[in-house]
PDB file of N, CA and C in Angstrom:
ATOM      1  N   MET A   1      27.607  26.721 -16.444  1.00  0.00           N
ATOM      2  CA  MET A   1      28.454  27.397 -17.395  1.00  0.00           C
ATOM      3  C   MET A   1      27.928  28.865 -17.548  1.00  0.00           C
ATOM      4  N   GLU A   2      28.819  29.821 -17.419  1.00  0.00           N
ATOM      5  CA  GLU A   2      28.423  31.182 -17.471  1.00  0.00           C
ATOM      6  C   GLU A   2      28.250  31.644 -18.941  1.00  0.00           C
ATOM      7  N   VAL A   3      27.076  32.100 -19.174  1.00  0.00           N
ATOM      8  CA  VAL A   3      26.731  32.613 -20.542  1.00  0.00           C
ATOM      9  C   VAL A   3      26.342  34.093 -20.359  1.00  0.00           C
ATOM     10  N   ASN A   4      26.926  34.968 -21.112  1.00  0.00           N
ATOM     11  CA  ASN A   4      26.777  36.387 -20.867  1.00  0.00           C
ATOM     12  C   ASN A   4      26.052  37.137 -21.908  1.00  0.00           C
ATOM     13  N   HIS A   5      25.029  36.525 -22.506  1.00  0.00           N
ATOM     14  CA  HIS A   5      24.235  37.156 -23.560  1.00  0.00           C
ATOM     15  C   HIS A   5      23.544  38.445 -23.085  1.00  0.00           C
ATOM     16  N   GLU A   6      23.130  38.440 -21.810  1.00  0.00           N
ATOM     17  CA  GLU A   6      22.414  39.614 -21.302  1.00  0.00           C
ATOM     18  C   GLU A   6      23.314  40.875 -21.171  1.00  0.00           C
ATOM     19  N   THR A   7      24.617  40.659 -20.976  1.00  0.00           N
ATOM     20  CA  THR A   7      25.463  41.776 -20.808  1.00  0.00           C
ATOM     21  C   THR A   7      26.248  42.100 -22.100  1.00  0.00           C
ATOM     22  N   THR A   8      26.195  41.199 -23.069  1.00  0.00           N
ATOM     23  CA  THR A   8      26.909  41.384 -24.289  1.00  0.00           C
ATOM     24  C   THR A   8      25.932  41.566 -25.442  1.00  0.00           C
ATOM     25  N   SER A   9      26.159  42.598 -26.290  1.00  0.00           N
ATOM     26  CA  SER A   9      25.298  42.829 -27.354  1.00  0.00           C
ATOM     27  C   SER A   9      25.995  42.280 -28.679  1.00  0.00           C
ATOM     28  N   TYR A  10      25.273  41.481 -29.433  1.00  0.00           N
ATOM     29  CA  TYR A  10      25.767  40.934 -30.650  1.00  0.00           C
ATOM     30  C   TYR A  10      25.075  41.591 -31.775  1.00  0.00           C
ATOM     31  N   ASN A  11      25.770  41.705 -32.895  1.00  0.00           N
ATOM     32  CA  ASN A  11      25.196  42.286 -34.120  1.00  0.00           C
ATOM     33  C   ASN A  11      25.504  41.330 -35.324  1.00  0.00           C
ATOM     34  N   PRO A  12      24.589  41.316 -36.281  1.00  0.00           N
ATOM     35  CA  PRO A  12      24.857  40.525 -37.473  1.00  0.00           C
ATOM     36  C   PRO A  12      26.294  40.882 -38.035  1.00  0.00           C
ATOM     37  N   GLY A  13      26.996  39.865 -38.339  1.00  0.00           N
ATOM     38  CA  GLY A  13      28.343  40.034 -38.896  1.00  0.00           C
ATOM     39  C   GLY A  13      29.424  39.854 -37.862  1.00  0.00           C
ATOM     40  N   ASP A  14      29.089  39.836 -36.560  1.00  0.00           N
ATOM     41  CA  ASP A  14      30.034  39.522 -35.503  1.00  0.00           C
ATOM     42  C   ASP A  14      30.596  38.129 -35.642  1.00  0.00           C
ATOM     43  N   ILE A  15      31.850  37.954 -35.384  1.00  0.00           N
ATOM     44  CA  ILE A  15      32.456  36.639 -35.321  1.00  0.00           C
ATOM     45  C   ILE A  15      32.544  36.244 -33.832  1.00  0.00           C
ATOM     46  N   VAL A  16      32.084  35.049 -33.511  1.00  0.00           N
ATOM     47  CA  VAL A  16      32.145  34.531 -32.101  1.00  0.00           C
ATOM     48  C   VAL A  16      32.680  33.162 -32.095  1.00  0.00           C
ATOM     49  N   TYR A  17      32.857  32.596 -30.907  1.00  0.00           N
ATOM     50  CA  TYR A  17      33.420  31.238 -30.762  1.00  0.00           C
ATOM     51  C   TYR A  17      32.459  30.468 -29.847  1.00  0.00           C
ATOM     52  N   VAL A  18      32.184  29.244 -30.244  1.00  0.00           N
ATOM     53  CA  VAL A  18      31.234  28.387 -29.505  1.00  0.00           C
ATOM     54  C   VAL A  18      31.814  27.016 -29.413  1.00  0.00           C
ATOM     55  N   PHE A  19      31.286  26.249 -28.425  1.00  0.00           N
ATOM     56  CA  PHE A  19      31.688  24.823 -28.320  1.00  0.00           C
ATOM     57  C   PHE A  19      30.797  24.064 -29.321  1.00  0.00           C
ATOM     58  N   TYR A  20      31.396  23.114 -30.068  1.00  0.00           N
ATOM     59  CA  TYR A  20      30.666  22.344 -31.019  1.00  0.00           C
ATOM     60  C   TYR A  20      30.981  20.926 -30.808  1.00  0.00           C
ATOM     61  N   ARG A  21      29.911  20.104 -30.609  1.00  0.00           N
ATOM     62  CA  ARG A  21      30.138  18.620 -30.491  1.00  0.00           C
ATOM     63  C   ARG A  21      30.008  17.959 -31.795  1.00  0.00           C
ATOM     64  N   ASN A  22      30.821  17.038 -32.081  1.00  0.00           N
ATOM     65  CA  ASN A  22      30.790  16.290 -33.286  1.00  0.00           C
ATOM     66  C   ASN A  22      29.522  15.421 -33.272  1.00  0.00           C
ATOM     67  N   PRO A  23      28.619  15.591 -34.271  1.00  0.00           N
ATOM     68  CA  PRO A  23      27.385  14.857 -34.195  1.00  0.00           C
ATOM     69  C   PRO A  23      27.554  13.318 -34.322  1.00  0.00           C
ATOM     70  N   HIS A  24      28.726  12.845 -34.852  1.00  0.00           N
ATOM     71  CA  HIS A  24      28.958  11.458 -34.975  1.00  0.00           C
ATOM     72  C   HIS A  24      29.686  10.825 -33.838  1.00  0.00           C
ATOM     73  N   THR A  25      30.413  11.666 -33.001  1.00  0.00           N
ATOM     74  CA  THR A  25      31.110  11.235 -31.889  1.00  0.00           C
ATOM     75  C   THR A  25      30.889  12.197 -30.783  1.00  0.00           C
ATOM     76  N   GLN A  26      29.886  11.942 -30.000  1.00  0.00           N
ATOM     77  CA  GLN A  26      29.348  12.885 -28.934  1.00  0.00           C
ATOM     78  C   GLN A  26      30.341  13.232 -27.896  1.00  0.00           C
ATOM     79  N   ASP A  27      31.378  12.419 -27.658  1.00  0.00           N
ATOM     80  CA  ASP A  27      32.345  12.741 -26.647  1.00  0.00           C
ATOM     81  C   ASP A  27      33.438  13.628 -27.151  1.00  0.00           C
ATOM     82  N   VAL A  28      33.334  14.150 -28.330  1.00  0.00           N
ATOM     83  CA  VAL A  28      34.372  15.061 -28.938  1.00  0.00           C
ATOM     84  C   VAL A  28      33.707  16.437 -29.049  1.00  0.00           C
ATOM     85  N   ALA A  29      34.405  17.387 -28.406  1.00  0.00           N
ATOM     86  CA  ALA A  29      33.907  18.806 -28.534  1.00  0.00           C
ATOM     87  C   ALA A  29      35.097  19.664 -28.930  1.00  0.00           C
ATOM     88  N   ASN A  30      34.823  20.696 -29.662  1.00  0.00           N
ATOM     89  CA  ASN A  30      35.881  21.641 -30.138  1.00  0.00           C
ATOM     90  C   ASN A  30      35.346  23.113 -30.013  1.00  0.00           C
ATOM     91  N   VAL A  31      36.300  24.041 -30.027  1.00  0.00           N
ATOM     92  CA  VAL A  31      35.970  25.421 -30.132  1.00  0.00           C
ATOM     93  C   VAL A  31      35.920  25.750 -31.585  1.00  0.00           C
ATOM     94  N   GLN A  32      34.838  26.364 -32.031  1.00  0.00           N
ATOM     95  CA  GLN A  32      34.632  26.638 -33.416  1.00  0.00           C
ATOM     96  C   GLN A  32      34.257  28.104 -33.641  1.00  0.00           C
ATOM     97  N   GLU A  33      34.858  28.664 -34.644  1.00  0.00           N
ATOM     98  CA  GLU A  33      34.452  30.080 -35.006  1.00  0.00           C
ATOM     99  C   GLU A  33      33.062  30.023 -35.683  1.00  0.00           C
ATOM    100  N   ALA A  34      32.220  31.034 -35.445  1.00  0.00           N
ATOM    101  CA  ALA A  34      30.887  31.064 -36.027  1.00  0.00           C
ATOM    102  C   ALA A  34      30.521  32.571 -36.289  1.00  0.00           C
ATOM    103  N   ALA A  35      29.509  32.743 -37.051  1.00  0.00           N
ATOM    104  CA  ALA A  35      29.064  34.104 -37.369  1.00  0.00           C
ATOM    105  C   ALA A  35      27.674  34.333 -36.748  1.00  0.00           C
ATOM    106  N   VAL A  36      27.505  35.583 -36.258  1.00  0.00           N
ATOM    107  CA  VAL A  36      26.193  36.050 -35.760  1.00  0.00           C
ATOM    108  C   VAL A  36      25.438  36.613 -37.046  1.00  0.00           C
ATOM    109  N   VAL A  37      24.256  36.138 -37.239  1.00  0.00           N
ATOM    110  CA  VAL A  37      23.438  36.531 -38.410  1.00  0.00           C
ATOM    111  C   VAL A  37      22.008  36.761 -38.008  1.00  0.00           C
ATOM    112  N   ASN A  38      21.206  37.363 -38.873  1.00  0.00           N
ATOM    113  CA  ASN A  38      19.808  37.476 -38.617  1.00  0.00           C
ATOM    114  C   ASN A  38      19.208  36.063 -38.852  1.00  0.00           C
ATOM    115  N   ASN A  39      18.291  35.709 -37.934  1.00  0.00           N
ATOM    116  CA  ASN A  39      17.704  34.394 -38.073  1.00  0.00           C
ATOM    117  C   ASN A  39      16.796  34.390 -39.323  1.00  0.00           C
ATOM    118  N   PRO A  40      17.027  33.462 -40.261  1.00  0.00           N
ATOM    119  CA  PRO A  40      16.149  33.480 -41.518  1.00  0.00           C
ATOM    120  C   PRO A  40      14.751  33.135 -41.250  1.00  0.00           C
ATOM    121  N   GLU A  41      14.455  32.404 -40.128  1.00  0.00           N
ATOM    122  CA  GLU A  41      13.056  32.076 -39.792  1.00  0.00           C
ATOM    123  C   GLU A  41      12.363  33.139 -38.999  1.00  0.00           C
ATOM    124  N   ASN A  42      13.132  34.063 -38.396  1.00  0.00           N
ATOM    125  CA  ASN A  42      12.577  35.198 -37.666  1.00  0.00           C
ATOM    126  C   ASN A  42      13.589  36.366 -37.745  1.00  0.00           C
ATOM    127  N   PRO A  43      13.486  37.218 -38.716  1.00  0.00           N
ATOM    128  CA  PRO A  43      14.450  38.294 -38.959  1.00  0.00           C
ATOM    129  C   PRO A  43      14.661  39.261 -37.768  1.00  0.00           C
ATOM    130  N   ASN A  44      13.727  39.178 -36.737  1.00  0.00           N
ATOM    131  CA  ASN A  44      13.909  40.086 -35.597  1.00  0.00           C
ATOM    132  C   ASN A  44      14.785  39.475 -34.535  1.00  0.00           C
ATOM    133  N   GLU A  45      15.257  38.254 -34.742  1.00  0.00           N
ATOM    134  CA  GLU A  45      16.097  37.518 -33.815  1.00  0.00           C
ATOM    135  C   GLU A  45      17.480  37.255 -34.441  1.00  0.00           C
ATOM    136  N   LEU A  46      18.448  37.020 -33.585  1.00  0.00           N
ATOM    137  CA  LEU A  46      19.761  36.635 -34.123  1.00  0.00           C
ATOM    138  C   LEU A  46      19.962  35.151 -34.030  1.00  0.00           C
ATOM    139  N   ALA A  47      20.887  34.651 -34.846  1.00  0.00           N
ATOM    140  CA  ALA A  47      21.253  33.250 -34.911  1.00  0.00           C
ATOM    141  C   ALA A  47      22.722  33.106 -35.024  1.00  0.00           C
ATOM    142  N   ILE A  48      23.208  31.942 -34.718  1.00  0.00           N
ATOM    143  CA  ILE A  48      24.620  31.599 -34.977  1.00  0.00           C
ATOM    144  C   ILE A  48      24.641  30.770 -36.251  1.00  0.00           C
ATOM    145  N   PHE A  49      25.493  31.107 -37.153  1.00  0.00           N
ATOM    146  CA  PHE A  49      25.593  30.309 -38.387  1.00  0.00           C
ATOM    147  C   PHE A  49      26.887  29.507 -38.350  1.00  0.00           C
ATOM    148  N   LEU A  50      26.772  28.186 -38.287  1.00  0.00           N
ATOM    149  CA  LEU A  50      27.854  27.292 -38.110  1.00  0.00           C
ATOM    150  C   LEU A  50      27.717  26.055 -38.946  1.00  0.00           C
ATOM    151  N   TYR A  51      28.660  25.727 -39.725  1.00  0.00           N
ATOM    152  CA  TYR A  51      28.559  24.515 -40.621  1.00  0.00           C
ATOM    153  C   TYR A  51      27.356  24.595 -41.433  1.00  0.00           C
ATOM    154  N   GLU A  52      27.004  25.708 -42.061  1.00  0.00           N
ATOM    155  CA  GLU A  52      25.930  25.903 -42.965  1.00  0.00           C
ATOM    156  C   GLU A  52      24.529  25.594 -42.325  1.00  0.00           C
ATOM    157  N   THR A  53      24.448  25.757 -40.935  1.00  0.00           N
ATOM    158  CA  THR A  53      23.295  25.559 -40.225  1.00  0.00           C
ATOM    159  C   THR A  53      23.051  26.816 -39.339  1.00  0.00           C
ATOM    160  N   TYR A  54      21.811  27.196 -39.153  1.00  0.00           N
ATOM    161  CA  TYR A  54      21.420  28.306 -38.301  1.00  0.00           C
ATOM    162  C   TYR A  54      20.961  27.752 -36.939  1.00  0.00           C
ATOM    163  N   TYR A  55      21.549  28.297 -35.846  1.00  0.00           N
ATOM    164  CA  TYR A  55      21.141  27.936 -34.505  1.00  0.00           C
ATOM    165  C   TYR A  55      20.662  29.256 -33.792  1.00  0.00           C
ATOM    166  N   PRO A  56      19.456  29.287 -33.286  1.00  0.00           N
ATOM    167  CA  PRO A  56      18.961  30.482 -32.581  1.00  0.00           C
ATOM    168  C   PRO A  56      19.940  30.908 -31.425  1.00  0.00           C
ATOM    169  N   LEU A  57      20.268  32.106 -31.367  1.00  0.00           N
ATOM    170  CA  LEU A  57      21.129  32.674 -30.310  1.00  0.00           C
ATOM    171  C   LEU A  57      20.337  32.783 -29.045  1.00  0.00           C
ATOM    172  N   THR A  58      20.510  31.909 -28.139  1.00  0.00           N
ATOM    173  CA  THR A  58      19.770  31.897 -26.848  1.00  0.00           C
ATOM    174  C   THR A  58      20.719  31.993 -25.673  1.00  0.00           C
ATOM    175  N   ASN A  59      20.183  32.197 -24.478  1.00  0.00           N
ATOM    176  CA  ASN A  59      20.893  32.232 -23.299  1.00  0.00           C
ATOM    177  C   ASN A  59      21.506  30.881 -22.898  1.00  0.00           C
ATOM    178  N   GLU A  60      21.039  29.884 -23.551  1.00  0.00           N
ATOM    179  CA  GLU A  60      21.559  28.524 -23.249  1.00  0.00           C
ATOM    180  C   GLU A  60      22.802  28.138 -24.060  1.00  0.00           C
ATOM    181  N   MET A  61      23.124  29.002 -24.988  1.00  0.00           N
ATOM    182  CA  MET A  61      24.351  28.730 -25.798  1.00  0.00           C
ATOM    183  C   MET A  61      25.528  29.494 -25.228  1.00  0.00           C
ATOM    184  N   ALA A  62      26.622  28.766 -25.096  1.00  0.00           N
ATOM    185  CA  ALA A  62      27.883  29.386 -24.615  1.00  0.00           C
ATOM    186  C   ALA A  62      28.589  30.030 -25.828  1.00  0.00           C
ATOM    187  N   VAL A  63      28.627  31.323 -25.770  1.00  0.00           N
ATOM    188  CA  VAL A  63      29.202  32.126 -26.851  1.00  0.00           C
ATOM    189  C   VAL A  63      30.257  33.026 -26.324  1.00  0.00           C
ATOM    190  N   TYR A  64      31.399  33.046 -26.960  1.00  0.00           N
ATOM    191  CA  TYR A  64      32.572  33.820 -26.494  1.00  0.00           C
ATOM    192  C   TYR A  64      32.971  34.819 -27.597  1.00  0.00           C
ATOM    193  N   GLN A  65      33.411  35.934 -27.198  1.00  0.00           N
ATOM    194  CA  GLN A  65      33.818  36.981 -28.149  1.00  0.00           C
ATOM    195  C   GLN A  65      35.256  36.813 -28.658  1.00  0.00           C
ATOM    196  N   SER A  66      36.071  35.975 -27.949  1.00  0.00           N
ATOM    197  CA  SER A  66      37.392  35.786 -28.466  1.00  0.00           C
ATOM    198  C   SER A  66      37.679  34.325 -28.353  1.00  0.00           C
ATOM    199  N   GLU A  67      38.580  33.849 -29.255  1.00  0.00           N
ATOM    200  CA  GLU A  67      39.031  32.478 -29.204  1.00  0.00           C
ATOM    201  C   GLU A  67      39.738  32.163 -27.891  1.00  0.00           C
ATOM    202  N   ALA A  68      40.444  33.133 -27.352  1.00  0.00           N
ATOM    203  CA  ALA A  68      41.220  32.920 -26.107  1.00  0.00           C
ATOM    204  C   ALA A  68      40.230  32.672 -24.971  1.00  0.00           C
ATOM    205  N   ASP A  69      39.133  33.459 -24.878  1.00  0.00           N
ATOM    206  CA  ASP A  69      38.119  33.258 -23.835  1.00  0.00           C
ATOM    207  C   ASP A  69      37.411  31.848 -24.057  1.00  0.00           C
ATOM    208  N   ALA A  70      37.147  31.482 -25.248  1.00  0.00           N
ATOM    209  CA  ALA A  70      36.528  30.179 -25.530  1.00  0.00           C
ATOM    210  C   ALA A  70      37.510  29.054 -25.076  1.00  0.00           C
ATOM    211  N   MET A  71      38.783  29.144 -25.438  1.00  0.00           N
ATOM    212  CA  MET A  71      39.719  28.102 -25.129  1.00  0.00           C
ATOM    213  C   MET A  71      39.931  28.024 -23.587  1.00  0.00           C
ATOM    214  N   HIS A  72      39.929  29.149 -22.877  1.00  0.00           N
ATOM    215  CA  HIS A  72      40.016  29.098 -21.473  1.00  0.00           C
ATOM    216  C   HIS A  72      38.834  28.345 -20.848  1.00  0.00           C
ATOM    217  N   ALA A  73      37.631  28.669 -21.271  1.00  0.00           N
ATOM    218  CA  ALA A  73      36.442  27.989 -20.759  1.00  0.00           C
ATOM    219  C   ALA A  73      36.442  26.541 -21.147  1.00  0.00           C
ATOM    220  N   TYR A  74      36.867  26.229 -22.355  1.00  0.00           N
ATOM    221  CA  TYR A  74      36.967  24.795 -22.785  1.00  0.00           C
ATOM    222  C   TYR A  74      37.893  24.007 -21.823  1.00  0.00           C
ATOM    223  N   GLU A  75      39.065  24.652 -21.548  1.00  0.00           N
ATOM    224  CA  GLU A  75      40.003  23.924 -20.639  1.00  0.00           C
ATOM    225  C   GLU A  75      39.389  23.715 -19.280  1.00  0.00           C
ATOM    226  N   GLN A  76      38.603  24.676 -18.774  1.00  0.00           N
ATOM    227  CA  GLN A  76      37.976  24.553 -17.485  1.00  0.00           C
ATOM    228  C   GLN A  76      36.984  23.395 -17.455  1.00  0.00           C
ATOM    229  N   TYR A  77      36.222  23.268 -18.543  1.00  0.00           N
ATOM    230  CA  TYR A  77      35.133  22.264 -18.540  1.00  0.00           C
ATOM    231  C   TYR A  77      35.482  20.912 -19.118  1.00  0.00           C
ATOM    232  N   PHE A  78      36.458  20.879 -20.022  1.00  0.00           N
ATOM    233  CA  PHE A  78      36.804  19.611 -20.651  1.00  0.00           C
ATOM    234  C   PHE A  78      38.249  19.207 -20.359  1.00  0.00           C
ATOM    235  N   GLY A  79      39.047  20.058 -19.714  1.00  0.00           N
ATOM    236  CA  GLY A  79      40.426  19.698 -19.460  1.00  0.00           C
ATOM    237  C   GLY A  79      41.356  19.975 -20.638  1.00  0.00           C
ATOM    238  N   TYR A  80      42.574  19.762 -20.465  1.00  0.00           N
ATOM    239  CA  TYR A  80      43.543  20.006 -21.551  1.00  0.00           C
ATOM    240  C   TYR A  80      43.567  18.899 -22.486  1.00  0.00           C
ATOM    241  N   GLU A  81      43.871  19.190 -23.776  1.00  0.00           N
ATOM    242  CA  GLU A  81      43.944  18.140 -24.796  1.00  0.00           C
ATOM    243  C   GLU A  81      45.283  17.454 -24.783  1.00  0.00           C
TER     244      GLU A  81
END
């Protein structure tokens, strides 16, 4: 999966789109809007704030700047709904 963190600069307050798996049903994934914030555990790093939880913003996370880009990638990896 292509992740473009190295070429994309994120700032606190940016709205991004990520894939989110339902923790109760692992075979269900959705595109979800999330916010880029300062990591409360390390203010020098960024995090994704999603469902009242902070996730460190790493190169392992698939982050998209637009919902259309996220939906296109979702369809490539998971097929049409």
